[in-house]
Amino acid sequence: MTAVTTTPEQLIADSRARIDAIDDRIIGLIQERMAVSSVVQEARIASGGRRVHLSREMEVLAHWRDALGKPGTALAMTVLELCRGRV
C-alpha cells in the first residue's frame, strides 16, 4: 500500500474549495433568513405594529456577540441590515 502525500498546494486548493462551499451555504442561509424576516415584518405591520422591533434586534446582537465575540456584533448588524429590507 502506498501512502498518499498531499502537497501544500493541493491542501490549499482543497481548503479553498471547502471555504467556497461554506460561503455558498452561508449566503443561502442569509437569503432564507431575509425571506423569513420579510414574513415577520409583514405580519407585524398587518397587525398594527412597526416593521422593525428594536428589542428583538438587541437580542439578536447579544446572541451573535456571545457566540462570536465583538466581531459577531458587527456581523449581526450587517445581517440585520440585509433583513430589514427597504426602509
N, C-alpha and C. Protein backbone atom coordinates (compact mmCIF):
# COMPACT_ATOMS: atom_id res chain seq x y z
N MET A 1 0.82 -1.18 0.00
CA MET A 1 0.00 0.00 0.00
C MET A 1 0.87 1.25 0.00
N THR A 2 0.49 2.22 -0.80
CA THR A 2 1.26 3.44 -0.91
C THR A 2 0.54 4.56 -0.17
N ALA A 3 1.30 5.29 0.62
CA ALA A 3 0.73 6.43 1.33
C ALA A 3 0.53 7.59 0.35
N VAL A 4 -0.59 8.24 0.47
CA VAL A 4 -0.87 9.39 -0.37
C VAL A 4 -0.36 10.63 0.34
N THR A 5 0.48 11.37 -0.34
CA THR A 5 1.03 12.59 0.23
C THR A 5 0.35 13.78 -0.43
N THR A 6 -0.19 14.65 0.38
CA THR A 6 -0.84 15.85 -0.12
C THR A 6 0.17 16.98 -0.09
N THR A 7 0.30 17.65 -1.22
CA THR A 7 1.21 18.78 -1.29
C THR A 7 0.55 19.99 -0.62
N PRO A 8 1.35 20.95 -0.17
CA PRO A 8 0.76 22.17 0.38
C PRO A 8 -0.18 22.86 -0.61
N GLU A 9 0.20 22.84 -1.88
CA GLU A 9 -0.64 23.49 -2.90
C GLU A 9 -2.01 22.80 -3.00
N GLN A 10 -2.01 21.46 -2.94
CA GLN A 10 -3.26 20.71 -3.02
C GLN A 10 -4.10 20.94 -1.77
N LEU A 11 -3.43 20.97 -0.62
CA LEU A 11 -4.13 21.24 0.64
C LEU A 11 -4.81 22.60 0.60
N ILE A 12 -4.08 23.60 0.09
CA ILE A 12 -4.64 24.96 -0.02
C ILE A 12 -5.81 24.97 -0.98
N ALA A 13 -5.67 24.35 -2.14
CA ALA A 13 -6.74 24.31 -3.14
C ALA A 13 -7.97 23.61 -2.58
N ASP A 14 -7.77 22.48 -1.91
CA ASP A 14 -8.91 21.75 -1.32
C ASP A 14 -9.59 22.57 -0.24
N SER A 15 -8.79 23.24 0.58
CA SER A 15 -9.35 24.06 1.66
C SER A 15 -10.11 25.25 1.11
N ARG A 16 -9.60 25.85 0.07
CA ARG A 16 -10.31 26.98 -0.56
C ARG A 16 -11.63 26.53 -1.17
N ALA A 17 -11.65 25.34 -1.74
CA ALA A 17 -12.89 24.80 -2.29
C ALA A 17 -13.91 24.59 -1.18
N ARG A 18 -13.46 24.09 -0.04
CA ARG A 18 -14.36 23.92 1.11
C ARG A 18 -14.88 25.27 1.60
N ILE A 19 -13.98 26.27 1.66
CA ILE A 19 -14.39 27.62 2.09
C ILE A 19 -15.44 28.17 1.13
N ASP A 20 -15.23 28.00 -0.18
CA ASP A 20 -16.21 28.47 -1.16
C ASP A 20 -17.56 27.79 -0.96
N ALA A 21 -17.55 26.50 -0.69
CA ALA A 21 -18.80 25.76 -0.46
C ALA A 21 -19.48 26.25 0.82
N ILE A 22 -18.71 26.49 1.85
CA ILE A 22 -19.27 27.02 3.11
C ILE A 22 -19.86 28.40 2.88
N ASP A 23 -19.13 29.26 2.14
CA ASP A 23 -19.65 30.59 1.83
C ASP A 23 -20.98 30.51 1.09
N ASP A 24 -21.08 29.58 0.14
CA ASP A 24 -22.34 29.41 -0.59
C ASP A 24 -23.48 29.02 0.35
N ARG A 25 -23.19 28.16 1.31
CA ARG A 25 -24.21 27.76 2.29
C ARG A 25 -24.60 28.94 3.17
N ILE A 26 -23.61 29.74 3.60
CA ILE A 26 -23.89 30.91 4.44
C ILE A 26 -24.77 31.89 3.66
N ILE A 27 -24.43 32.15 2.41
CA ILE A 27 -25.23 33.06 1.58
C ILE A 27 -26.66 32.54 1.45
N GLY A 28 -26.81 31.26 1.22
CA GLY A 28 -28.15 30.67 1.12
C GLY A 28 -28.93 30.82 2.41
N LEU A 29 -28.27 30.62 3.54
CA LEU A 29 -28.95 30.77 4.83
C LEU A 29 -29.34 32.22 5.09
N ILE A 30 -28.49 33.15 4.70
CA ILE A 30 -28.84 34.56 4.87
C ILE A 30 -30.02 34.93 3.98
N GLN A 31 -30.04 34.41 2.76
CA GLN A 31 -31.18 34.67 1.88
C GLN A 31 -32.46 34.08 2.47
N GLU A 32 -32.36 32.90 3.06
CA GLU A 32 -33.51 32.29 3.72
C GLU A 32 -33.95 33.13 4.91
N ARG A 33 -32.98 33.64 5.68
CA ARG A 33 -33.30 34.49 6.83
C ARG A 33 -33.99 35.77 6.37
N MET A 34 -33.54 36.33 5.26
CA MET A 34 -34.16 37.54 4.72
C MET A 34 -35.63 37.27 4.37
N ALA A 35 -35.92 36.13 3.77
CA ALA A 35 -37.29 35.80 3.40
C ALA A 35 -38.17 35.62 4.63
N VAL A 36 -37.66 34.93 5.63
CA VAL A 36 -38.43 34.72 6.87
C VAL A 36 -38.65 36.05 7.58
N SER A 37 -37.62 36.88 7.62
CA SER A 37 -37.74 38.20 8.25
C SER A 37 -38.81 39.04 7.56
N SER A 38 -38.89 38.94 6.24
CA SER A 38 -39.91 39.67 5.50
C SER A 38 -41.31 39.23 5.91
N VAL A 39 -41.50 37.94 6.11
CA VAL A 39 -42.80 37.42 6.56
C VAL A 39 -43.15 37.98 7.93
N VAL A 40 -42.18 38.00 8.83
CA VAL A 40 -42.41 38.53 10.18
C VAL A 40 -42.77 40.01 10.11
N GLN A 41 -42.02 40.76 9.31
CA GLN A 41 -42.28 42.21 9.18
C GLN A 41 -43.68 42.47 8.62
N GLU A 42 -44.05 41.73 7.59
CA GLU A 42 -45.37 41.92 7.00
C GLU A 42 -46.47 41.61 8.01
N ALA A 43 -46.30 40.54 8.79
CA ALA A 43 -47.31 40.18 9.80
C ALA A 43 -47.38 41.23 10.88
N ARG A 44 -46.23 41.74 11.29
CA ARG A 44 -46.20 42.76 12.33
C ARG A 44 -46.92 44.04 11.86
N ILE A 45 -46.64 44.46 10.64
CA ILE A 45 -47.27 45.66 10.08
C ILE A 45 -48.77 45.44 9.92
N ALA A 46 -49.16 44.27 9.44
CA ALA A 46 -50.58 43.96 9.24
C ALA A 46 -51.36 43.99 10.55
N SER A 47 -50.67 43.71 11.65
CA SER A 47 -51.35 43.71 12.95
C SER A 47 -51.20 45.05 13.67
N GLY A 48 -50.73 46.07 12.94
CA GLY A 48 -50.64 47.40 13.50
C GLY A 48 -49.32 47.73 14.18
N GLY A 49 -48.36 46.84 14.06
CA GLY A 49 -47.06 47.08 14.69
C GLY A 49 -46.09 47.77 13.75
N ARG A 50 -44.89 47.93 14.26
CA ARG A 50 -43.83 48.54 13.46
C ARG A 50 -43.07 47.46 12.70
N ARG A 51 -42.46 47.86 11.61
CA ARG A 51 -41.71 46.90 10.79
C ARG A 51 -40.48 46.36 11.52
N VAL A 52 -39.80 47.22 12.26
CA VAL A 52 -38.59 46.84 13.00
C VAL A 52 -38.90 46.80 14.48
N HIS A 53 -38.47 45.73 15.14
CA HIS A 53 -38.68 45.54 16.58
C HIS A 53 -37.31 45.64 17.24
N LEU A 54 -36.99 46.82 17.80
CA LEU A 54 -35.65 47.09 18.28
C LEU A 54 -35.22 46.18 19.43
N SER A 55 -36.11 45.84 20.33
CA SER A 55 -35.70 44.96 21.43
C SER A 55 -35.34 43.57 20.91
N ARG A 56 -36.02 43.12 19.88
CA ARG A 56 -35.67 41.84 19.26
C ARG A 56 -34.30 41.93 18.60
N GLU A 57 -34.03 43.05 17.94
CA GLU A 57 -32.73 43.22 17.32
C GLU A 57 -31.62 43.22 18.37
N MET A 58 -31.87 43.78 19.53
CA MET A 58 -30.87 43.77 20.61
C MET A 58 -30.60 42.33 21.08
N GLU A 59 -31.65 41.50 21.12
CA GLU A 59 -31.48 40.09 21.47
C GLU A 59 -30.60 39.38 20.43
N VAL A 60 -30.84 39.67 19.16
CA VAL A 60 -30.06 39.06 18.09
C VAL A 60 -28.59 39.49 18.20
N LEU A 61 -28.37 40.78 18.42
CA LEU A 61 -26.99 41.28 18.56
C LEU A 61 -26.28 40.60 19.73
N ALA A 62 -26.96 40.46 20.84
CA ALA A 62 -26.36 39.82 22.02
C ALA A 62 -26.03 38.35 21.72
N HIS A 63 -26.92 37.68 21.01
CA HIS A 63 -26.70 36.27 20.68
C HIS A 63 -25.44 36.11 19.84
N TRP A 64 -25.30 36.92 18.81
CA TRP A 64 -24.13 36.85 17.93
C TRP A 64 -22.86 37.25 18.67
N ARG A 65 -22.95 38.28 19.50
CA ARG A 65 -21.79 38.71 20.28
C ARG A 65 -21.34 37.61 21.24
N ASP A 66 -22.30 36.97 21.91
CA ASP A 66 -21.97 35.88 22.83
C ASP A 66 -21.31 34.71 22.11
N ALA A 67 -21.76 34.44 20.88
CA ALA A 67 -21.24 33.30 20.13
C ALA A 67 -19.90 33.59 19.46
N LEU A 68 -19.70 34.85 19.00
CA LEU A 68 -18.54 35.16 18.17
C LEU A 68 -17.65 36.27 18.69
N GLY A 69 -18.00 36.83 19.85
CA GLY A 69 -17.22 37.95 20.37
C GLY A 69 -17.60 39.25 19.69
N LYS A 70 -16.79 40.27 19.93
CA LYS A 70 -17.09 41.61 19.41
C LYS A 70 -17.33 41.64 17.91
N PRO A 71 -16.54 40.92 17.09
CA PRO A 71 -16.82 40.94 15.65
C PRO A 71 -18.20 40.38 15.31
N GLY A 72 -18.75 39.53 16.18
CA GLY A 72 -20.08 39.00 15.96
C GLY A 72 -21.14 40.08 15.93
N THR A 73 -20.92 41.12 16.74
CA THR A 73 -21.88 42.23 16.77
C THR A 73 -21.92 42.93 15.41
N ALA A 74 -20.75 43.20 14.85
CA ALA A 74 -20.69 43.86 13.54
C ALA A 74 -21.31 42.97 12.46
N LEU A 75 -21.03 41.70 12.53
CA LEU A 75 -21.61 40.77 11.56
C LEU A 75 -23.12 40.72 11.69
N ALA A 76 -23.62 40.68 12.91
CA ALA A 76 -25.06 40.66 13.15
C ALA A 76 -25.71 41.95 12.64
N MET A 77 -25.04 43.07 12.83
CA MET A 77 -25.59 44.34 12.33
C MET A 77 -25.76 44.28 10.81
N THR A 78 -24.80 43.69 10.12
CA THR A 78 -24.89 43.56 8.67
C THR A 78 -26.05 42.64 8.28
N VAL A 79 -26.18 41.53 8.98
CA VAL A 79 -27.28 40.60 8.71
C VAL A 79 -28.61 41.29 8.96
N LEU A 80 -28.72 42.00 10.07
CA LEU A 80 -29.97 42.71 10.38
C LEU A 80 -30.28 43.74 9.31
N GLU A 81 -29.27 44.46 8.85
CA GLU A 81 -29.47 45.46 7.80
C GLU A 81 -30.00 44.79 6.53
N LEU A 82 -29.44 43.65 6.17
CA LEU A 82 -29.91 42.92 5.00
C LEU A 82 -31.36 42.47 5.17
N CYS A 83 -31.70 42.07 6.37
CA CYS A 83 -33.03 41.50 6.63
C CYS A 83 -34.12 42.54 6.85
N ARG A 84 -33.74 43.77 7.10
CA ARG A 84 -34.74 44.82 7.29
C ARG A 84 -35.44 45.17 6.00
N GLY A 85 -34.78 44.97 4.90
CA GLY A 85 -35.38 45.33 3.62
C GLY A 85 -35.30 46.83 3.43
N ARG A 86 -36.12 47.32 2.55
CA ARG A 86 -36.14 48.76 2.25
C ARG A 86 -36.78 49.51 3.39
N VAL A 87 -36.11 50.57 3.80
CA VAL A 87 -36.65 51.42 4.89
C VAL A 87 -37.47 52.53 4.30
